[in-house]
N, C-alpha and C. Protein backbone atom coordinates (compact mmCIF):
# COMPACT_ATOMS: atom_id res chain seq x y z
N UNK A 1 65.29 14.51 -74.98
CA UNK A 1 65.54 15.76 -74.36
C UNK A 1 64.26 16.21 -73.54
N UNK A 2 64.46 16.43 -72.27
CA UNK A 2 63.32 16.76 -71.38
C UNK A 2 63.38 18.29 -70.99
N UNK A 3 62.22 18.88 -70.86
CA UNK A 3 62.17 20.27 -70.44
C UNK A 3 61.49 20.41 -69.10
N UNK A 4 61.98 21.19 -68.22
CA UNK A 4 61.44 21.44 -66.87
C UNK A 4 61.05 22.93 -66.79
N UNK A 5 59.84 23.14 -66.24
CA UNK A 5 59.45 24.48 -65.99
C UNK A 5 59.91 24.90 -64.59
N UNK A 6 60.69 25.90 -64.48
CA UNK A 6 61.20 26.42 -63.14
C UNK A 6 60.49 27.67 -62.80
N UNK A 7 60.44 27.99 -61.53
CA UNK A 7 59.91 29.26 -61.00
C UNK A 7 60.75 29.79 -59.94
N UNK A 8 60.72 31.16 -59.74
CA UNK A 8 61.64 31.70 -58.73
C UNK A 8 61.30 31.12 -57.33
N UNK A 9 62.22 31.02 -56.49
CA UNK A 9 61.97 30.56 -55.09
C UNK A 9 62.12 31.63 -54.00
N UNK A 10 62.68 32.73 -54.49
CA UNK A 10 62.74 33.98 -53.58
C UNK A 10 62.71 35.18 -54.41
N UNK A 11 62.20 36.27 -53.78
CA UNK A 11 62.10 37.57 -54.47
C UNK A 11 62.14 38.66 -53.50
N UNK A 12 62.61 39.88 -53.98
CA UNK A 12 62.81 41.02 -53.16
C UNK A 12 62.16 42.23 -53.88
N UNK A 13 61.42 43.01 -53.19
CA UNK A 13 60.78 44.22 -53.84
C UNK A 13 61.92 45.31 -53.95
N UNK A 14 61.99 45.83 -55.20
CA UNK A 14 63.04 46.80 -55.38
C UNK A 14 62.63 48.16 -54.89
N UNK A 15 61.44 48.33 -54.47
CA UNK A 15 60.94 49.63 -53.88
C UNK A 15 61.09 49.68 -52.37
N UNK A 16 60.57 48.72 -51.64
CA UNK A 16 60.61 48.72 -50.20
C UNK A 16 61.48 47.74 -49.53
N UNK A 17 62.05 46.72 -50.28
CA UNK A 17 62.97 45.79 -49.70
C UNK A 17 62.28 44.58 -49.15
N UNK A 18 60.98 44.40 -49.31
CA UNK A 18 60.23 43.23 -48.82
C UNK A 18 60.86 42.04 -49.43
N UNK A 19 61.18 41.01 -48.52
CA UNK A 19 61.75 39.69 -49.01
C UNK A 19 60.68 38.58 -48.77
N UNK A 20 60.51 37.82 -49.81
CA UNK A 20 59.60 36.68 -49.73
C UNK A 20 60.27 35.38 -50.30
N UNK A 21 59.87 34.27 -49.82
CA UNK A 21 60.27 32.95 -50.29
C UNK A 21 59.07 32.10 -50.60
N UNK A 22 59.17 31.27 -51.61
CA UNK A 22 58.13 30.38 -52.06
C UNK A 22 57.91 29.22 -51.09
N UNK A 23 56.76 29.04 -50.61
CA UNK A 23 56.48 27.83 -49.69
C UNK A 23 55.72 26.82 -50.52
N UNK A 24 56.43 25.73 -50.88
CA UNK A 24 55.87 24.69 -51.78
C UNK A 24 54.76 23.98 -51.14
N UNK A 25 54.79 23.75 -49.79
CA UNK A 25 53.67 23.02 -49.14
C UNK A 25 52.42 23.87 -49.13
N UNK A 26 52.55 25.17 -48.84
CA UNK A 26 51.33 26.03 -48.91
C UNK A 26 51.01 26.60 -50.25
N UNK A 27 51.94 26.43 -51.18
CA UNK A 27 51.77 26.92 -52.52
C UNK A 27 51.52 28.43 -52.52
N UNK A 28 52.37 29.22 -51.77
CA UNK A 28 52.24 30.62 -51.70
C UNK A 28 53.53 31.23 -51.30
N UNK A 29 53.68 32.59 -51.41
CA UNK A 29 54.85 33.37 -51.11
C UNK A 29 54.68 33.70 -49.63
N UNK A 30 55.81 33.63 -48.84
CA UNK A 30 55.79 33.97 -47.42
C UNK A 30 56.87 35.02 -47.15
N UNK A 31 56.67 35.91 -46.27
CA UNK A 31 57.63 36.98 -45.86
C UNK A 31 58.77 36.32 -45.10
N UNK A 32 59.95 36.74 -45.41
CA UNK A 32 61.15 36.25 -44.68
C UNK A 32 61.52 37.12 -43.52
N UNK A 33 61.72 36.52 -42.40
CA UNK A 33 62.22 37.26 -41.20
C UNK A 33 61.46 38.56 -40.88
N UNK A 34 60.22 38.54 -40.92
CA UNK A 34 59.39 39.77 -40.62
C UNK A 34 59.79 41.01 -41.43
N UNK A 35 60.40 40.80 -42.59
CA UNK A 35 60.75 41.92 -43.45
C UNK A 35 59.65 42.14 -44.44
N UNK A 36 58.46 42.75 -43.92
CA UNK A 36 57.29 42.94 -44.68
C UNK A 36 57.38 44.16 -45.67
N UNK A 37 58.41 45.01 -45.40
CA UNK A 37 58.43 46.25 -46.15
C UNK A 37 57.34 47.23 -45.87
N UNK A 38 56.91 47.97 -46.80
CA UNK A 38 55.88 48.88 -46.67
C UNK A 38 54.44 48.23 -47.03
N UNK A 39 53.46 48.44 -46.21
CA UNK A 39 52.12 47.83 -46.49
C UNK A 39 51.48 48.64 -47.61
N UNK A 40 51.93 49.88 -47.89
CA UNK A 40 51.36 50.66 -48.95
C UNK A 40 52.08 50.53 -50.32
N UNK A 41 53.12 49.73 -50.34
CA UNK A 41 54.00 49.55 -51.53
C UNK A 41 53.23 48.78 -52.65
N UNK A 42 53.33 49.24 -53.86
CA UNK A 42 52.91 48.39 -54.93
C UNK A 42 54.26 47.70 -55.41
N UNK A 43 54.44 46.52 -54.95
CA UNK A 43 55.72 45.83 -55.05
C UNK A 43 56.23 45.63 -56.51
N UNK A 44 57.46 45.92 -56.66
CA UNK A 44 58.17 45.79 -57.94
C UNK A 44 59.26 44.68 -57.63
N UNK A 45 58.84 43.40 -58.04
CA UNK A 45 59.76 42.35 -57.77
C UNK A 45 60.99 42.31 -58.62
N UNK A 46 62.13 41.79 -58.14
CA UNK A 46 63.39 41.78 -58.79
C UNK A 46 63.45 40.61 -59.82
N UNK A 47 62.29 40.15 -60.32
CA UNK A 47 62.37 39.08 -61.35
C UNK A 47 62.17 39.83 -62.69
N UNK A 48 63.14 39.55 -63.57
CA UNK A 48 63.17 40.31 -64.82
C UNK A 48 63.39 39.36 -66.00
N UNK A 49 63.73 39.87 -67.12
CA UNK A 49 63.91 39.14 -68.36
C UNK A 49 65.16 38.18 -68.34
N UNK A 50 66.01 38.33 -67.35
CA UNK A 50 67.13 37.41 -67.29
C UNK A 50 66.79 36.02 -66.67
N UNK A 51 65.63 35.89 -66.07
CA UNK A 51 65.26 34.65 -65.47
C UNK A 51 64.68 33.75 -66.58
N UNK A 52 65.23 32.52 -66.70
CA UNK A 52 64.76 31.63 -67.82
C UNK A 52 63.91 30.54 -67.07
N UNK A 53 62.58 30.50 -67.40
CA UNK A 53 61.70 29.56 -66.73
C UNK A 53 61.84 28.20 -67.28
N UNK A 54 62.36 28.01 -68.48
CA UNK A 54 62.38 26.59 -68.96
C UNK A 54 63.85 26.23 -69.02
N UNK A 55 64.10 25.03 -68.52
CA UNK A 55 65.44 24.40 -68.45
C UNK A 55 65.44 23.08 -69.17
N UNK A 56 66.32 22.97 -70.14
CA UNK A 56 66.39 21.75 -71.02
C UNK A 56 67.48 20.82 -70.54
N UNK A 57 67.21 19.58 -70.46
CA UNK A 57 68.19 18.53 -70.12
C UNK A 57 68.46 17.63 -71.30
N UNK A 58 69.70 17.41 -71.50
CA UNK A 58 70.15 16.62 -72.66
C UNK A 58 70.47 15.14 -72.24
């Protein structure tokens, strides 16, 4: 049985609507379609306890 560590590939701020996607080549988050949201926002990402980072293969 193998286990793989997963990470989110996209996220949206619940406060200002900023949308970002993970850039694997640059190893960083990038803004999607110029939707930067508010520059003064303390971003609250929509990643919560329902995301399971470990995936087991049988």
